[in-house]
């Protein structure tokens, strides 16, 4: 005889989800996140044109002063998108 163990708390959560959403399917995951630096692309390109020796880390530091708390990796990705 095979015994199935059922977690009551999980059954309650599923029932609540079914009542609220109408189904118990998983929520969608992944997808493209909006780019935080899209509005600053022109500034980034102008800054690099003025000082081509700047690093992405120094650009990230300058963006922090401008109110954008981003990593150097985010700056790199935005520059790659800009070409």
C-alpha atoms as a PDB file:
ATOM      1  CA  UNK A   1       0.000   0.000   0.000  1.00  0.00           C
ATOM      2  CA  UNK A   2       1.360   3.369  -0.968  1.00  0.00           C
ATOM      3  CA  UNK A   3       0.770   6.252   1.396  1.00  0.00           C
ATOM      4  CA  UNK A   4       0.585   9.781   0.015  1.00  0.00           C
ATOM      5  CA  UNK A   5       1.495  12.556   2.380  1.00  0.00           C
ATOM      6  CA  UNK A   6      -0.459  15.744   1.823  1.00  0.00           C
ATOM      7  CA  UNK A   7       0.585  19.073   3.167  1.00  0.00           C
ATOM      8  CA  UNK A   8      -2.503  20.808   4.452  1.00  0.00           C
ATOM      9  CA  UNK A   9      -0.953  24.276   4.231  1.00  0.00           C
ATOM     10  CA  UNK A  10      -0.197  23.715   0.556  1.00  0.00           C
ATOM     11  CA  UNK A  11      -3.759  22.575  -0.105  1.00  0.00           C
ATOM     12  CA  UNK A  12      -5.077  25.690   1.630  1.00  0.00           C
ATOM     13  CA  UNK A  13      -2.818  27.963  -0.445  1.00  0.00           C
ATOM     14  CA  UNK A  14      -3.916  26.237  -3.667  1.00  0.00           C
ATOM     15  CA  UNK A  15      -7.565  26.605  -2.695  1.00  0.00           C
ATOM     16  CA  UNK A  16      -7.049  30.311  -1.938  1.00  0.00           C
ATOM     17  CA  UNK A  17      -5.238  30.794  -5.235  1.00  0.00           C
ATOM     18  CA  UNK A  18      -8.018  29.008  -7.100  1.00  0.00           C
ATOM     19  CA  UNK A  19     -10.620  31.193  -5.409  1.00  0.00           C
ATOM     20  CA  UNK A  20      -8.763  34.471  -6.126  1.00  0.00           C
ATOM     21  CA  UNK A  21      -7.275  33.820  -9.574  1.00  0.00           C
ATOM     22  CA  UNK A  22      -9.528  31.118 -10.936  1.00  0.00           C
ATOM     23  CA  UNK A  23      -6.657  28.680 -11.523  1.00  0.00           C
ATOM     24  CA  UNK A  24      -3.636  27.199  -9.780  1.00  0.00           C
ATOM     25  CA  UNK A  25      -1.169  27.599 -12.643  1.00  0.00           C
ATOM     26  CA  UNK A  26       2.293  28.916 -11.890  1.00  0.00           C
ATOM     27  CA  UNK A  27       2.937  32.622 -12.308  1.00  0.00           C
ATOM     28  CA  UNK A  28       4.922  33.599 -15.408  1.00  0.00           C
ATOM     29  CA  UNK A  29       8.666  33.880 -14.876  1.00  0.00           C
ATOM     30  CA  UNK A  30      11.508  35.496 -16.727  1.00  0.00           C
ATOM     31  CA  UNK A  31      11.124  37.814 -19.655  1.00  0.00           C
ATOM     32  CA  UNK A  32      12.825  41.071 -20.453  1.00  0.00           C
ATOM     33  CA  UNK A  33      13.203  43.559 -17.653  1.00  0.00           C
ATOM     34  CA  UNK A  34      12.969  47.219 -18.587  1.00  0.00           C
ATOM     35  CA  UNK A  35      16.334  48.923 -18.897  1.00  0.00           C
ATOM     36  CA  UNK A  36      16.949  51.482 -16.172  1.00  0.00           C
ATOM     37  CA  UNK A  37      19.535  53.365 -18.210  1.00  0.00           C
ATOM     38  CA  UNK A  38      17.550  53.749 -21.443  1.00  0.00           C
ATOM     39  CA  UNK A  39      16.750  57.352 -20.551  1.00  0.00           C
ATOM     40  CA  UNK A  40      20.452  58.061 -19.922  1.00  0.00           C
ATOM     41  CA  UNK A  41      21.762  56.611 -23.181  1.00  0.00           C
ATOM     42  CA  UNK A  42      22.333  60.001 -24.800  1.00  0.00           C
ATOM     43  CA  UNK A  43      24.192  61.231 -21.710  1.00  0.00           C
ATOM     44  CA  UNK A  44      26.372  58.089 -21.642  1.00  0.00           C
ATOM     45  CA  UNK A  45      27.310  58.424 -25.306  1.00  0.00           C
ATOM     46  CA  UNK A  46      28.019  62.153 -24.956  1.00  0.00           C
ATOM     47  CA  UNK A  47      30.146  61.492 -21.876  1.00  0.00           C
ATOM     48  CA  UNK A  48      32.164  58.839 -23.705  1.00  0.00           C
ATOM     49  CA  UNK A  49      32.592  61.114 -26.705  1.00  0.00           C
ATOM     50  CA  UNK A  50      33.948  63.862 -24.446  1.00  0.00           C
ATOM     51  CA  UNK A  51      36.239  61.493 -22.499  1.00  0.00           C
ATOM     52  CA  UNK A  52      36.824  58.251 -24.424  1.00  0.00           C
ATOM     53  CA  UNK A  53      39.211  56.897 -21.777  1.00  0.00           C
ATOM     54  CA  UNK A  54      36.474  56.530 -19.130  1.00  0.00           C
ATOM     55  CA  UNK A  55      35.844  53.084 -17.722  1.00  0.00           C
ATOM     56  CA  UNK A  56      32.416  51.582 -17.163  1.00  0.00           C
ATOM     57  CA  UNK A  57      33.101  51.663 -13.418  1.00  0.00           C
ATOM     58  CA  UNK A  58      33.742  55.409 -13.483  1.00  0.00           C
ATOM     59  CA  UNK A  59      30.590  55.893 -15.564  1.00  0.00           C
ATOM     60  CA  UNK A  60      28.633  53.877 -12.980  1.00  0.00           C
ATOM     61  CA  UNK A  61      30.063  56.137 -10.248  1.00  0.00           C
ATOM     62  CA  UNK A  62      28.985  59.240 -12.167  1.00  0.00           C
ATOM     63  CA  UNK A  63      25.519  57.771 -12.673  1.00  0.00           C
ATOM     64  CA  UNK A  64      25.253  57.178  -8.902  1.00  0.00           C
ATOM     65  CA  UNK A  65      25.839  60.906  -8.404  1.00  0.00           C
ATOM     66  CA  UNK A  66      23.053  61.531 -10.944  1.00  0.00           C
ATOM     67  CA  UNK A  67      20.688  59.316  -8.899  1.00  0.00           C
ATOM     68  CA  UNK A  68      20.983  55.978 -10.711  1.00  0.00           C
ATOM     69  CA  UNK A  69      22.221  53.220  -8.411  1.00  0.00           C
ATOM     70  CA  UNK A  70      23.522  50.812 -11.054  1.00  0.00           C
ATOM     71  CA  UNK A  71      26.416  48.430 -11.373  1.00  0.00           C
ATOM     72  CA  UNK A  72      29.196  48.663 -13.928  1.00  0.00           C
ATOM     73  CA  UNK A  73      27.633  45.628 -15.574  1.00  0.00           C
ATOM     74  CA  UNK A  74      24.393  47.543 -16.208  1.00  0.00           C
ATOM     75  CA  UNK A  75      26.396  50.349 -17.806  1.00  0.00           C
ATOM     76  CA  UNK A  76      28.224  47.827 -19.994  1.00  0.00           C
ATOM     77  CA  UNK A  77      24.956  46.267 -21.159  1.00  0.00           C
ATOM     78  CA  UNK A  78      23.491  49.669 -21.999  1.00  0.00           C
ATOM     79  CA  UNK A  79      26.561  50.621 -24.003  1.00  0.00           C
ATOM     80  CA  UNK A  80      26.369  47.333 -25.904  1.00  0.00           C
ATOM     81  CA  UNK A  81      22.692  47.999 -26.680  1.00  0.00           C
ATOM     82  CA  UNK A  82      23.643  51.448 -27.967  1.00  0.00           C
ATOM     83  CA  UNK A  83      26.324  49.973 -30.196  1.00  0.00           C
END
